[in-house]
Amino acid sequence: MSATPLQRIGAMVFKEVRQMLRDRGTVGMMLVMPLMQLMIFGYAINNDPRGLPMAIERGDSSVFARSIDAALRNTTYFKVTELVETPGAGDRLLQDGKVHPAFNRSGTSFKLRSGVGVCRDGRVRFAVSAGPVNFYSFAVFFRDTLGCPDALYLDGSISAYATADRSTQLAEFAGIWSVSR
């Protein structure tokens, strides 16, 4: 009579456990390493975040919007760094040559970025980063390299471009821009 698949698996597990128990180093690794990880990660990982910096973009001043604003400020989970009343202002990279206060030099969100800036001479410049950059670096590029004191961030991970020589698009799409006075 042949063994059932479950009996075969049981025999294989028994053989492997017996083989591992012959080597004291392996037994030590099986027991000590998980205990060390529990100790290290138990102190390093915090499941109770406090004081996370946050900017609020509030499009209106209704009672409901103000109550949400107050609730976010009253919790210890968030530290409101800026309140923006103008719709779309949260997308600003630069305003009057100043980098958005939520962006810092050591930002860790590196992605392809695209943006548009209005330069000192009145020209409008569009830019797509050649590689992953953080918001701060992208804003400084508009200010210092292109000479644009005002710039908007357009999008993140989907930033792409197409030229006669090269295309970084994953799918066919086109942007539509309008200039109104």
N, C-alpha and C. Protein backbone atom coordinates (compact mmCIF):
# COMPACT_ATOMS: atom_id res chain seq x y z
N MET A 1 0.84 -1.16 0.00
CA MET A 1 0.00 0.00 0.00
C MET A 1 0.89 1.24 0.00
N SER A 2 0.60 2.19 -0.90
CA SER A 2 1.44 3.38 -1.00
C SER A 2 0.97 4.45 -0.02
N ALA A 3 1.88 5.33 0.30
CA ALA A 3 1.59 6.39 1.27
C ALA A 3 0.72 7.48 0.62
N THR A 4 -0.12 8.09 1.41
CA THR A 4 -0.96 9.20 0.92
C THR A 4 -0.08 10.45 0.83
N PRO A 5 -0.55 11.42 0.07
CA PRO A 5 0.23 12.67 -0.04
C PRO A 5 0.49 13.32 1.33
N LEU A 6 -0.46 13.27 2.23
CA LEU A 6 -0.28 13.85 3.55
C LEU A 6 0.80 13.11 4.34
N GLN A 7 0.85 11.79 4.19
CA GLN A 7 1.89 11.01 4.87
C GLN A 7 3.27 11.33 4.28
N ARG A 8 3.33 11.55 2.99
CA ARG A 8 4.60 11.91 2.35
C ARG A 8 5.11 13.26 2.86
N ILE A 9 4.19 14.22 2.96
CA ILE A 9 4.58 15.54 3.46
C ILE A 9 5.05 15.42 4.90
N GLY A 10 4.34 14.65 5.72
CA GLY A 10 4.73 14.45 7.11
C GLY A 10 6.11 13.83 7.23
N ALA A 11 6.41 12.86 6.39
CA ALA A 11 7.71 12.20 6.42
C ALA A 11 8.81 13.18 6.02
N MET A 12 8.53 14.03 5.03
CA MET A 12 9.51 15.01 4.59
C MET A 12 9.77 16.05 5.69
N VAL A 13 8.72 16.52 6.36
CA VAL A 13 8.88 17.49 7.45
C VAL A 13 9.69 16.85 8.58
N PHE A 14 9.38 15.61 8.93
CA PHE A 14 10.11 14.91 9.99
C PHE A 14 11.58 14.81 9.64
N LYS A 15 11.91 14.44 8.40
CA LYS A 15 13.30 14.31 7.96
C LYS A 15 14.03 15.65 8.04
N GLU A 16 13.38 16.75 7.59
CA GLU A 16 14.01 18.06 7.59
C GLU A 16 14.24 18.58 9.01
N VAL A 17 13.29 18.39 9.89
CA VAL A 17 13.45 18.83 11.28
C VAL A 17 14.58 18.07 11.94
N ARG A 18 14.62 16.77 11.71
CA ARG A 18 15.70 15.95 12.28
C ARG A 18 17.06 16.41 11.76
N GLN A 19 17.14 16.75 10.48
CA GLN A 19 18.39 17.23 9.89
C GLN A 19 18.80 18.57 10.51
N MET A 20 17.84 19.48 10.71
CA MET A 20 18.17 20.78 11.29
C MET A 20 18.61 20.66 12.74
N LEU A 21 18.03 19.73 13.49
CA LEU A 21 18.39 19.58 14.90
C LEU A 21 19.81 19.01 15.07
N ARG A 22 20.38 18.42 14.04
CA ARG A 22 21.75 17.91 14.13
C ARG A 22 22.78 19.03 14.17
N ASP A 23 22.42 20.21 13.63
CA ASP A 23 23.35 21.33 13.55
C ASP A 23 22.97 22.37 14.59
N ARG A 24 23.84 22.55 15.61
CA ARG A 24 23.55 23.48 16.70
C ARG A 24 23.45 24.93 16.19
N GLY A 25 24.23 25.29 15.20
CA GLY A 25 24.18 26.65 14.65
C GLY A 25 22.82 26.96 14.04
N THR A 26 22.26 25.98 13.35
CA THR A 26 20.95 26.16 12.74
C THR A 26 19.88 26.30 13.82
N VAL A 27 19.98 25.49 14.87
CA VAL A 27 19.01 25.58 15.97
C VAL A 27 19.10 26.95 16.63
N GLY A 28 20.33 27.43 16.83
CA GLY A 28 20.50 28.75 17.42
C GLY A 28 19.89 29.84 16.55
N MET A 29 20.09 29.75 15.25
CA MET A 29 19.52 30.74 14.33
C MET A 29 17.99 30.67 14.34
N MET A 30 17.44 29.47 14.43
CA MET A 30 15.98 29.32 14.42
C MET A 30 15.35 29.91 15.67
N LEU A 31 16.06 29.87 16.78
CA LEU A 31 15.51 30.37 18.04
C LEU A 31 15.94 31.79 18.36
N VAL A 32 17.21 32.09 18.20
CA VAL A 32 17.75 33.38 18.63
C VAL A 32 17.36 34.52 17.67
N MET A 33 17.44 34.31 16.38
CA MET A 33 17.17 35.38 15.43
C MET A 33 15.74 35.93 15.54
N PRO A 34 14.72 35.10 15.61
CA PRO A 34 13.37 35.67 15.78
C PRO A 34 13.22 36.44 17.09
N LEU A 35 13.86 35.98 18.16
CA LEU A 35 13.79 36.70 19.42
C LEU A 35 14.48 38.05 19.32
N MET A 36 15.63 38.09 18.63
CA MET A 36 16.33 39.37 18.43
C MET A 36 15.47 40.32 17.60
N GLN A 37 14.83 39.81 16.57
CA GLN A 37 13.99 40.66 15.73
C GLN A 37 12.80 41.20 16.52
N LEU A 38 12.22 40.37 17.36
CA LEU A 38 11.12 40.85 18.19
C LEU A 38 11.57 41.98 19.10
N MET A 39 12.74 41.85 19.68
CA MET A 39 13.26 42.87 20.58
C MET A 39 13.56 44.17 19.80
N ILE A 40 14.26 44.04 18.69
CA ILE A 40 14.66 45.23 17.92
C ILE A 40 13.43 45.93 17.34
N PHE A 41 12.59 45.19 16.64
CA PHE A 41 11.44 45.80 15.99
C PHE A 41 10.38 46.23 17.00
N GLY A 42 10.34 45.59 18.14
CA GLY A 42 9.40 45.99 19.17
C GLY A 42 9.67 47.39 19.66
N TYR A 43 10.93 47.82 19.67
CA TYR A 43 11.28 49.17 20.08
C TYR A 43 11.32 50.14 18.91
N ALA A 44 11.68 49.63 17.73
CA ALA A 44 11.87 50.51 16.58
C ALA A 44 10.55 50.88 15.90
N ILE A 45 9.61 49.98 15.85
CA ILE A 45 8.35 50.24 15.15
C ILE A 45 7.35 50.81 16.14
N ASN A 46 6.81 51.96 15.78
CA ASN A 46 5.87 52.63 16.64
C ASN A 46 4.50 52.59 15.98
N ASN A 47 3.55 51.92 16.59
CA ASN A 47 2.20 51.84 16.05
C ASN A 47 1.31 52.97 16.58
N ASP A 48 1.92 53.94 17.21
CA ASP A 48 1.17 55.05 17.79
C ASP A 48 1.82 56.36 17.35
N PRO A 49 1.61 56.76 16.08
CA PRO A 49 2.29 57.97 15.58
C PRO A 49 1.76 59.22 16.25
N ARG A 50 2.63 60.19 16.43
CA ARG A 50 2.28 61.47 17.04
C ARG A 50 2.98 62.60 16.29
N GLY A 51 2.31 63.72 16.18
CA GLY A 51 2.92 64.93 15.62
C GLY A 51 3.30 64.85 14.16
N LEU A 52 2.54 64.11 13.34
CA LEU A 52 2.84 64.02 11.91
C LEU A 52 2.54 65.37 11.25
N PRO A 53 3.51 65.96 10.54
CA PRO A 53 3.26 67.27 9.93
C PRO A 53 2.22 67.17 8.81
N MET A 54 1.32 68.15 8.76
CA MET A 54 0.24 68.10 7.79
C MET A 54 -0.16 69.51 7.41
N ALA A 55 -0.44 69.72 6.14
CA ALA A 55 -0.99 70.98 5.66
C ALA A 55 -2.45 70.73 5.27
N ILE A 56 -3.32 71.64 5.62
CA ILE A 56 -4.74 71.49 5.30
C ILE A 56 -5.08 72.46 4.19
N GLU A 57 -5.69 71.94 3.13
CA GLU A 57 -6.20 72.78 2.05
C GLU A 57 -7.72 72.81 2.21
N ARG A 58 -8.23 73.93 2.64
CA ARG A 58 -9.66 74.06 2.91
C ARG A 58 -10.27 74.97 1.86
N GLY A 59 -11.15 74.42 1.04
CA GLY A 59 -11.74 75.16 -0.07
C GLY A 59 -12.85 76.10 0.33
N ASP A 60 -13.43 75.92 1.51
CA ASP A 60 -14.48 76.83 1.95
C ASP A 60 -14.36 77.03 3.46
N SER A 61 -15.15 77.95 3.97
CA SER A 61 -15.11 78.24 5.41
C SER A 61 -16.42 77.85 6.08
N SER A 62 -17.06 76.80 5.57
CA SER A 62 -18.32 76.36 6.16
C SER A 62 -18.08 75.81 7.57
N VAL A 63 -19.16 75.67 8.31
CA VAL A 63 -19.08 75.12 9.66
C VAL A 63 -18.50 73.71 9.62
N PHE A 64 -18.92 72.94 8.63
CA PHE A 64 -18.43 71.56 8.51
C PHE A 64 -16.92 71.53 8.26
N ALA A 65 -16.43 72.37 7.33
CA ALA A 65 -14.99 72.41 7.02
C ALA A 65 -14.19 72.87 8.23
N ARG A 66 -14.70 73.88 8.94
CA ARG A 66 -14.00 74.36 10.14
C ARG A 66 -13.99 73.32 11.25
N SER A 67 -15.07 72.52 11.34
CA SER A 67 -15.11 71.48 12.39
C SER A 67 -14.11 70.37 12.10
N ILE A 68 -13.93 70.03 10.83
CA ILE A 68 -12.92 69.02 10.47
C ILE A 68 -11.53 69.57 10.76
N ASP A 69 -11.31 70.82 10.41
CA ASP A 69 -10.04 71.49 10.69
C ASP A 69 -9.75 71.44 12.19
N ALA A 70 -10.72 71.80 13.01
CA ALA A 70 -10.54 71.81 14.47
C ALA A 70 -10.28 70.41 15.00
N ALA A 71 -11.00 69.44 14.47
CA ALA A 71 -10.80 68.05 14.92
C ALA A 71 -9.38 67.58 14.62
N LEU A 72 -8.86 67.91 13.45
CA LEU A 72 -7.49 67.52 13.09
C LEU A 72 -6.47 68.23 13.97
N ARG A 73 -6.74 69.46 14.32
CA ARG A 73 -5.81 70.21 15.18
C ARG A 73 -5.85 69.71 16.62
N ASN A 74 -7.01 69.23 17.07
CA ASN A 74 -7.14 68.78 18.45
C ASN A 74 -6.55 67.40 18.72
N THR A 75 -6.33 66.64 17.69
CA THR A 75 -5.72 65.32 17.88
C THR A 75 -4.20 65.48 18.00
N THR A 76 -3.59 64.59 18.71
CA THR A 76 -2.13 64.63 18.84
C THR A 76 -1.44 63.90 17.70
N TYR A 77 -2.22 63.28 16.83
CA TYR A 77 -1.63 62.54 15.71
C TYR A 77 -1.03 63.47 14.67
N PHE A 78 -1.61 64.65 14.49
CA PHE A 78 -1.16 65.57 13.45
C PHE A 78 -0.72 66.89 14.03
N LYS A 79 0.25 67.51 13.36
CA LYS A 79 0.66 68.87 13.68
C LYS A 79 0.43 69.68 12.42
N VAL A 80 -0.57 70.53 12.43
CA VAL A 80 -0.92 71.31 11.26
C VAL A 80 0.14 72.39 11.06
N THR A 81 0.87 72.29 9.96
CA THR A 81 1.95 73.23 9.68
C THR A 81 1.48 74.42 8.86
N GLU A 82 0.38 74.23 8.12
CA GLU A 82 -0.11 75.33 7.30
C GLU A 82 -1.56 75.10 6.96
N LEU A 83 -2.32 76.18 6.91
CA LEU A 83 -3.71 76.15 6.48
C LEU A 83 -3.80 76.98 5.20
N VAL A 84 -4.28 76.36 4.13
CA VAL A 84 -4.40 77.03 2.84
C VAL A 84 -5.88 77.16 2.53
N GLU A 85 -6.33 78.38 2.30
CA GLU A 85 -7.74 78.62 2.02
C GLU A 85 -8.07 78.60 0.53
N THR A 86 -7.07 78.79 -0.32
CA THR A 86 -7.29 78.87 -1.76
C THR A 86 -7.26 77.48 -2.38
N PRO A 87 -8.32 77.10 -3.12
CA PRO A 87 -8.28 75.79 -3.79
C PRO A 87 -7.10 75.67 -4.74
N GLY A 88 -6.40 74.56 -4.69
CA GLY A 88 -5.26 74.31 -5.56
C GLY A 88 -3.95 74.81 -5.00
N ALA A 89 -3.97 75.57 -3.93
CA ALA A 89 -2.73 76.12 -3.38
C ALA A 89 -1.83 75.02 -2.82
N GLY A 90 -2.39 73.89 -2.46
CA GLY A 90 -1.59 72.79 -1.95
C GLY A 90 -0.69 72.18 -3.01
N ASP A 91 -1.00 72.44 -4.29
CA ASP A 91 -0.19 71.92 -5.39
C ASP A 91 0.97 72.84 -5.74
N ARG A 92 1.08 73.96 -5.07
CA ARG A 92 2.14 74.92 -5.39
C ARG A 92 3.49 74.40 -4.95
N LEU A 93 4.44 74.46 -5.85
CA LEU A 93 5.83 74.18 -5.51
C LEU A 93 6.47 75.46 -4.97
N LEU A 94 6.20 76.55 -5.69
CA LEU A 94 6.79 77.85 -5.36
C LEU A 94 5.72 78.92 -5.37
N GLN A 95 5.84 79.86 -4.47
CA GLN A 95 5.00 81.05 -4.52
C GLN A 95 5.87 82.23 -4.14
N ASP A 96 5.99 83.17 -5.06
CA ASP A 96 6.85 84.35 -4.87
C ASP A 96 8.29 83.95 -4.53
N GLY A 97 8.77 82.88 -5.17
CA GLY A 97 10.15 82.44 -4.97
C GLY A 97 10.39 81.63 -3.71
N LYS A 98 9.36 81.39 -2.92
CA LYS A 98 9.51 80.61 -1.68
C LYS A 98 9.01 79.20 -1.90
N VAL A 99 9.80 78.22 -1.49
CA VAL A 99 9.43 76.81 -1.62
C VAL A 99 8.30 76.52 -0.64
N HIS A 100 7.33 75.72 -1.09
CA HIS A 100 6.19 75.33 -0.24
C HIS A 100 6.72 74.82 1.10
N PRO A 101 6.16 75.25 2.22
CA PRO A 101 6.71 74.89 3.53
C PRO A 101 6.63 73.39 3.86
N ALA A 102 5.79 72.65 3.15
CA ALA A 102 5.70 71.21 3.43
C ALA A 102 6.86 70.43 2.81
N PHE A 103 7.62 71.07 1.91
CA PHE A 103 8.72 70.38 1.23
C PHE A 103 10.03 70.72 1.93
N ASN A 104 10.87 69.71 2.13
CA ASN A 104 12.18 69.99 2.70
C ASN A 104 13.26 69.27 1.91
N ARG A 105 14.46 69.74 2.09
CA ARG A 105 15.62 69.25 1.33
C ARG A 105 15.80 67.74 1.47
N SER A 106 15.48 67.20 2.63
CA SER A 106 15.72 65.78 2.88
C SER A 106 14.47 64.92 2.64
N GLY A 107 13.52 65.43 1.84
CA GLY A 107 12.31 64.66 1.54
C GLY A 107 12.64 63.31 0.92
N THR A 108 11.87 62.29 1.26
CA THR A 108 12.18 60.93 0.83
C THR A 108 11.28 60.40 -0.27
N SER A 109 10.36 61.22 -0.76
CA SER A 109 9.47 60.78 -1.84
C SER A 109 10.11 61.14 -3.18
N PHE A 110 10.81 60.18 -3.77
CA PHE A 110 11.48 60.40 -5.05
C PHE A 110 10.68 59.75 -6.16
N LYS A 111 10.16 60.57 -7.08
CA LYS A 111 9.38 60.09 -8.21
C LYS A 111 9.65 60.99 -9.40
N LEU A 112 9.22 60.54 -10.57
CA LEU A 112 9.21 61.43 -11.72
C LEU A 112 8.21 62.52 -11.42
N ARG A 113 8.55 63.75 -11.72
CA ARG A 113 7.65 64.87 -11.42
C ARG A 113 7.43 65.71 -12.67
N SER A 114 6.28 66.34 -12.72
CA SER A 114 6.03 67.31 -13.79
C SER A 114 5.41 68.54 -13.17
N GLY A 115 5.69 69.68 -13.78
CA GLY A 115 5.19 70.93 -13.24
C GLY A 115 5.18 72.02 -14.29
N VAL A 116 4.60 73.13 -13.91
CA VAL A 116 4.54 74.30 -14.78
C VAL A 116 4.88 75.53 -13.95
N GLY A 117 5.68 76.41 -14.52
CA GLY A 117 6.07 77.62 -13.81
C GLY A 117 5.90 78.85 -14.67
N VAL A 118 5.67 79.98 -14.01
CA VAL A 118 5.60 81.27 -14.69
C VAL A 118 6.88 82.00 -14.33
N CYS A 119 7.67 82.32 -15.35
CA CYS A 119 8.99 82.91 -15.14
C CYS A 119 8.89 84.43 -15.00
N ARG A 120 9.99 85.03 -14.57
CA ARG A 120 10.04 86.48 -14.33
C ARG A 120 9.73 87.28 -15.60
N ASP A 121 10.12 86.72 -16.76
CA ASP A 121 9.88 87.43 -18.02
C ASP A 121 8.48 87.18 -18.58
N GLY A 122 7.64 86.44 -17.81
CA GLY A 122 6.26 86.19 -18.24
C GLY A 122 6.07 84.91 -19.02
N ARG A 123 7.17 84.25 -19.39
CA ARG A 123 7.04 82.98 -20.13
C ARG A 123 6.58 81.86 -19.20
N VAL A 124 5.83 80.93 -19.77
CA VAL A 124 5.36 79.75 -19.04
C VAL A 124 6.25 78.59 -19.43
N ARG A 125 6.76 77.87 -18.45
CA ARG A 125 7.66 76.74 -18.72
C ARG A 125 7.07 75.48 -18.10
N PHE A 126 7.02 74.42 -18.91
CA PHE A 126 6.62 73.10 -18.43
C PHE A 126 7.88 72.27 -18.26
N ALA A 127 7.91 71.42 -17.24
CA ALA A 127 9.09 70.58 -17.01
C ALA A 127 8.66 69.21 -16.54
N VAL A 128 9.37 68.20 -17.04
CA VAL A 128 9.24 66.82 -16.55
C VAL A 128 10.63 66.39 -16.14
N SER A 129 10.77 65.89 -14.94
CA SER A 129 12.10 65.48 -14.48
C SER A 129 12.60 64.29 -15.29
N ALA A 130 13.90 64.25 -15.51
CA ALA A 130 14.50 63.15 -16.27
C ALA A 130 14.58 61.88 -15.43
N GLY A 131 14.52 62.01 -14.13
CA GLY A 131 14.58 60.87 -13.22
C GLY A 131 13.84 61.23 -11.95
N PRO A 132 13.80 60.31 -11.00
CA PRO A 132 13.09 60.57 -9.75
C PRO A 132 13.75 61.71 -8.95
N VAL A 133 12.93 62.66 -8.49
CA VAL A 133 13.38 63.77 -7.65
C VAL A 133 12.35 63.98 -6.54
N ASN A 134 12.77 64.64 -5.46
CA ASN A 134 11.79 64.99 -4.44
C ASN A 134 11.20 66.36 -4.75
N PHE A 135 10.14 66.73 -4.03
CA PHE A 135 9.45 67.99 -4.30
C PHE A 135 10.37 69.19 -4.14
N TYR A 136 11.18 69.18 -3.10
CA TYR A 136 12.05 70.33 -2.82
C TYR A 136 13.01 70.58 -3.99
N SER A 137 13.67 69.53 -4.45
CA SER A 137 14.62 69.67 -5.56
C SER A 137 13.93 70.16 -6.82
N PHE A 138 12.71 69.67 -7.05
CA PHE A 138 11.97 70.08 -8.24
C PHE A 138 11.58 71.56 -8.14
N ALA A 139 11.18 72.00 -6.96
CA ALA A 139 10.83 73.41 -6.76
C ALA A 139 12.05 74.30 -6.94
N VAL A 140 13.19 73.89 -6.40
CA VAL A 140 14.42 74.68 -6.51
C VAL A 140 14.86 74.75 -7.97
N PHE A 141 14.64 73.67 -8.75
CA PHE A 141 14.96 73.69 -10.17
C PHE A 141 14.16 74.79 -10.88
N PHE A 142 12.87 74.88 -10.59
CA PHE A 142 12.05 75.93 -11.21
C PHE A 142 12.56 77.31 -10.81
N ARG A 143 12.86 77.48 -9.53
CA ARG A 143 13.27 78.80 -9.05
C ARG A 143 14.65 79.21 -9.54
N ASP A 144 15.64 78.33 -9.35
CA ASP A 144 17.04 78.71 -9.61
C ASP A 144 17.49 78.49 -11.04
N THR A 145 17.03 77.42 -11.69
CA THR A 145 17.48 77.11 -13.04
C THR A 145 16.61 77.77 -14.10
N LEU A 146 15.29 77.66 -13.95
CA LEU A 146 14.39 78.21 -14.96
C LEU A 146 14.01 79.66 -14.68
N GLY A 147 14.26 80.15 -13.47
CA GLY A 147 13.93 81.53 -13.13
C GLY A 147 12.44 81.77 -12.98
N CYS A 148 11.73 80.79 -12.43
CA CYS A 148 10.29 80.91 -12.23
C CYS A 148 10.00 81.08 -10.74
N PRO A 149 9.50 82.25 -10.32
CA PRO A 149 9.20 82.44 -8.91
C PRO A 149 7.90 81.74 -8.48
N ASP A 150 7.07 81.36 -9.44
CA ASP A 150 5.81 80.66 -9.14
C ASP A 150 5.74 79.39 -9.97
N ALA A 151 5.41 78.28 -9.31
CA ALA A 151 5.33 77.00 -10.03
C ALA A 151 4.31 76.09 -9.36
N LEU A 152 3.65 75.28 -10.18
CA LEU A 152 2.68 74.29 -9.69
C LEU A 152 3.19 72.90 -9.99
N TYR A 153 2.91 72.01 -9.07
CA TYR A 153 3.19 70.58 -9.24
C TYR A 153 2.00 70.00 -9.99
N LEU A 154 2.26 69.22 -11.04
CA LEU A 154 1.15 68.68 -11.83
C LEU A 154 0.78 67.26 -11.45
N ASP A 155 1.73 66.36 -11.41
CA ASP A 155 1.41 64.99 -11.01
C ASP A 155 2.68 64.26 -10.61
N GLY A 156 2.54 63.01 -10.20
CA GLY A 156 3.68 62.27 -9.71
C GLY A 156 4.01 61.06 -10.55
N SER A 157 3.71 59.90 -10.08
CA SER A 157 4.17 58.65 -10.66
C SER A 157 3.84 58.49 -12.13
N ILE A 158 2.82 59.19 -12.62
CA ILE A 158 2.46 59.01 -14.03
C ILE A 158 3.13 60.03 -14.94
N SER A 159 4.00 60.88 -14.41
CA SER A 159 4.66 61.87 -15.25
C SER A 159 5.37 61.19 -16.41
N ALA A 160 5.15 61.70 -17.60
CA ALA A 160 5.75 61.11 -18.79
C ALA A 160 5.84 62.18 -19.87
N TYR A 161 6.60 61.88 -20.90
CA TYR A 161 6.72 62.79 -22.02
C TYR A 161 6.97 61.99 -23.29
N ALA A 162 6.72 62.61 -24.41
CA ALA A 162 6.99 61.99 -25.71
C ALA A 162 7.61 63.03 -26.62
N THR A 163 8.76 62.68 -27.19
CA THR A 163 9.42 63.53 -28.17
C THR A 163 9.66 62.68 -29.41
N ALA A 164 10.24 63.29 -30.43
CA ALA A 164 10.53 62.54 -31.65
C ALA A 164 11.56 61.44 -31.38
N ASP A 165 12.44 61.65 -30.39
CA ASP A 165 13.51 60.69 -30.10
C ASP A 165 13.15 59.65 -29.03
N ARG A 166 12.30 60.03 -28.11
CA ARG A 166 12.08 59.16 -26.96
C ARG A 166 10.68 59.35 -26.40
N SER A 167 10.12 58.27 -25.85
CA SER A 167 8.82 58.35 -25.19
C SER A 167 8.88 57.57 -23.89
N THR A 168 8.43 58.18 -22.81
CA THR A 168 8.37 57.49 -21.52
C THR A 168 6.93 57.15 -21.15
N GLN A 169 6.01 57.34 -22.10
CA GLN A 169 4.60 57.07 -21.83
C GLN A 169 4.34 55.58 -21.75
N LEU A 170 3.54 55.18 -20.76
CA LEU A 170 3.11 53.79 -20.65
C LEU A 170 1.86 53.54 -21.48
N ALA A 171 1.11 54.60 -21.73
CA ALA A 171 -0.10 54.51 -22.54
C ALA A 171 -0.24 55.82 -23.29
N GLU A 172 -0.98 55.79 -24.39
CA GLU A 172 -1.21 57.00 -25.16
C GLU A 172 -2.11 57.94 -24.37
N PHE A 173 -1.69 59.17 -24.18
CA PHE A 173 -2.53 60.19 -23.56
C PHE A 173 -2.04 61.55 -23.99
N ALA A 174 -2.88 62.53 -23.80
CA ALA A 174 -2.49 63.90 -24.15
C ALA A 174 -3.02 64.83 -23.08
N GLY A 175 -2.27 65.84 -22.77
CA GLY A 175 -2.74 66.86 -21.83
C GLY A 175 -3.35 68.01 -22.59
N ILE A 176 -4.30 68.66 -22.00
CA ILE A 176 -4.94 69.81 -22.62
C ILE A 176 -4.67 71.01 -21.74
N TRP A 177 -4.13 72.07 -22.32
CA TRP A 177 -3.81 73.28 -21.57
C TRP A 177 -4.59 74.44 -22.15
N SER A 178 -5.00 75.32 -21.30
CA SER A 178 -5.75 76.50 -21.74
C SER A 178 -5.14 77.73 -21.09
N VAL A 179 -5.00 78.78 -21.86
CA VAL A 179 -4.52 80.06 -21.34
C VAL A 179 -5.69 81.04 -21.47
N SER A 180 -6.06 81.63 -20.38
CA SER A 180 -7.14 82.62 -20.42
C SER A 180 -6.68 83.89 -19.74
N ARG A 181 -7.21 84.99 -20.19
CA ARG A 181 -6.82 86.30 -19.62
C ARG A 181 -8.04 87.00 -19.12
